[in-house]
Protein backbone atom coordinates (compact mmCIF):
# COMPACT_ATOMS: atom_id res chain seq x y z
CA MET A 1 10.66 13.73 -9.72
CA ILE A 2 8.52 10.24 -9.15
CA ALA A 3 8.19 7.97 -6.22
CA PHE A 4 7.16 5.21 -5.99
CA LEU A 5 6.59 2.87 -2.86
CA THR A 6 5.66 -1.30 -3.56
CA LEU A 7 3.51 -2.89 -0.39
CA GLU A 8 3.94 -6.73 0.13
CA LEU A 9 0.95 -7.55 1.70
CA ARG A 10 0.28 -10.77 3.45
CA ILE A 11 -3.85 -11.32 5.09
CA GLU A 12 -3.64 -14.48 7.97
CA GLY A 13 -7.30 -14.05 7.90
CA ALA A 14 -8.47 -14.01 4.37
CA GLN A 15 -10.42 -17.39 3.40
CA SER A 16 -11.63 -15.82 -0.15
CA LEU A 17 -11.15 -13.33 -2.45
CA LYS A 18 -13.43 -10.75 -0.90
CA ASP A 19 -11.64 -11.72 2.39
CA LYS A 20 -8.23 -9.90 0.13
CA ARG A 21 -10.22 -7.62 -2.14
CA GLN A 22 -11.91 -6.59 1.05
CA VAL A 23 -8.36 -5.30 3.22
CA THR A 24 -6.72 -3.92 -0.42
CA ARG A 25 -9.82 -1.54 -1.39
CA SER A 26 -10.15 -1.00 2.80
CA LEU A 27 -6.03 0.31 2.16
CA LYS A 28 -6.17 1.84 -1.37
CA ASP A 29 -9.14 4.03 -0.19
CA ARG A 30 -7.66 5.39 3.26
CA LEU A 31 -4.89 5.64 1.44
CA ARG A 32 -5.45 8.19 -1.44
CA ALA A 33 -7.65 9.99 1.24
CA SER A 34 -4.92 10.52 3.37
CA PHE A 35 -2.48 11.83 1.51
CA ASN A 36 -3.99 12.57 -2.12
CA VAL A 37 -1.74 9.53 -4.25
CA GLY A 38 -2.15 7.37 -6.32
CA VAL A 39 -2.95 3.43 -5.64
CA ALA A 40 -3.49 0.54 -6.99
CA GLU A 41 -3.37 -3.56 -6.77
CA LEU A 42 -0.52 -3.92 -8.47
CA ASP A 43 -0.40 -8.19 -8.91
CA PRO A 44 -3.42 -9.52 -8.35
CA GLY A 45 -2.20 -13.74 -8.30
CA PRO A 46 -4.54 -16.15 -7.42
CA LEU A 47 -3.66 -16.45 -3.98
CA TRP A 48 -6.17 -15.26 -1.09
CA ASN A 49 -3.59 -14.45 1.77
CA GLN A 50 -1.38 -12.35 0.10
CA ALA A 51 -0.82 -8.77 -2.14
CA THR A 52 0.72 -5.71 -3.74
CA ILE A 53 0.14 -2.20 -2.95
CA GLY A 54 2.10 0.76 -5.74
CA VAL A 55 1.65 3.72 -4.28
CA VAL A 56 2.97 6.48 -6.56
CA GLY A 57 3.05 10.40 -6.16
CA VAL A 58 4.34 13.10 -8.31
CA SER A 59 6.40 16.96 -6.79
CA HIS A 60 9.44 18.54 -7.36
CA SER A 61 11.63 18.08 -4.38
CA ARG A 62 12.59 14.72 -3.41
CA ASP A 63 13.01 15.22 0.07
CA TYR A 64 9.30 15.96 0.21
CA LEU A 65 8.53 12.56 -1.12
CA ASP A 66 11.13 11.18 0.69
CA GLY A 67 9.00 12.51 3.51
CA LEU A 68 5.79 11.27 1.79
CA MET A 69 6.67 8.17 0.73
CA LYS A 70 7.50 6.98 5.11
CA ASN A 71 4.32 8.73 5.41
CA VAL A 72 2.09 6.09 3.98
CA GLU A 73 4.22 3.25 4.37
CA ARG A 74 3.99 4.13 8.87
CA SER A 75 0.07 4.57 7.75
CA ALA A 76 -0.09 1.26 5.56
CA THR A 77 1.33 -1.32 8.58
CA ARG A 78 -1.06 0.75 11.09
CA ILE A 79 -4.60 0.75 8.56
CA ALA A 80 -3.40 -2.55 7.71
CA ASN A 81 -2.91 -4.15 11.23
CA ASN A 82 -6.29 -3.09 12.06
CA ALA A 83 -7.63 -4.90 9.13
CA GLY A 84 -6.07 -7.97 10.00
CA ALA A 85 -3.88 -8.52 7.71
CA GLU A 86 0.52 -7.06 8.09
CA VAL A 87 3.72 -5.37 6.09
CA ALA A 88 5.32 -7.45 5.37
CA ASP A 89 7.39 -6.00 2.86
CA SER A 90 8.72 -2.14 1.52
CA PHE A 91 10.53 -0.68 -0.75
CA VAL A 92 10.76 2.91 -2.49
CA GLU A 93 11.99 3.85 -5.67
CA PHE A 94 12.97 7.68 -6.90
CA LEU A 95 12.32 7.74 -10.83
């Protein structure tokens, strides 16, 4: 099984691309280190105050992946809030 979590971020304090990258890089690095998942910025659009982050996990158990993605989402929300951003939307797909 593969679980794919999409996080839509709003970064209200971002005044430049550098501010956006600082928030997204911090979030990606901390999620990778904490949960051993694949993390990438999906849609590097032109807006400085929005970002889309994708998180992928692989396991033989759907239940494990479901719990993992819920924990990743909670942690991402906490990390984003500490960095001056917010998770505006999130959803999980299982393949």
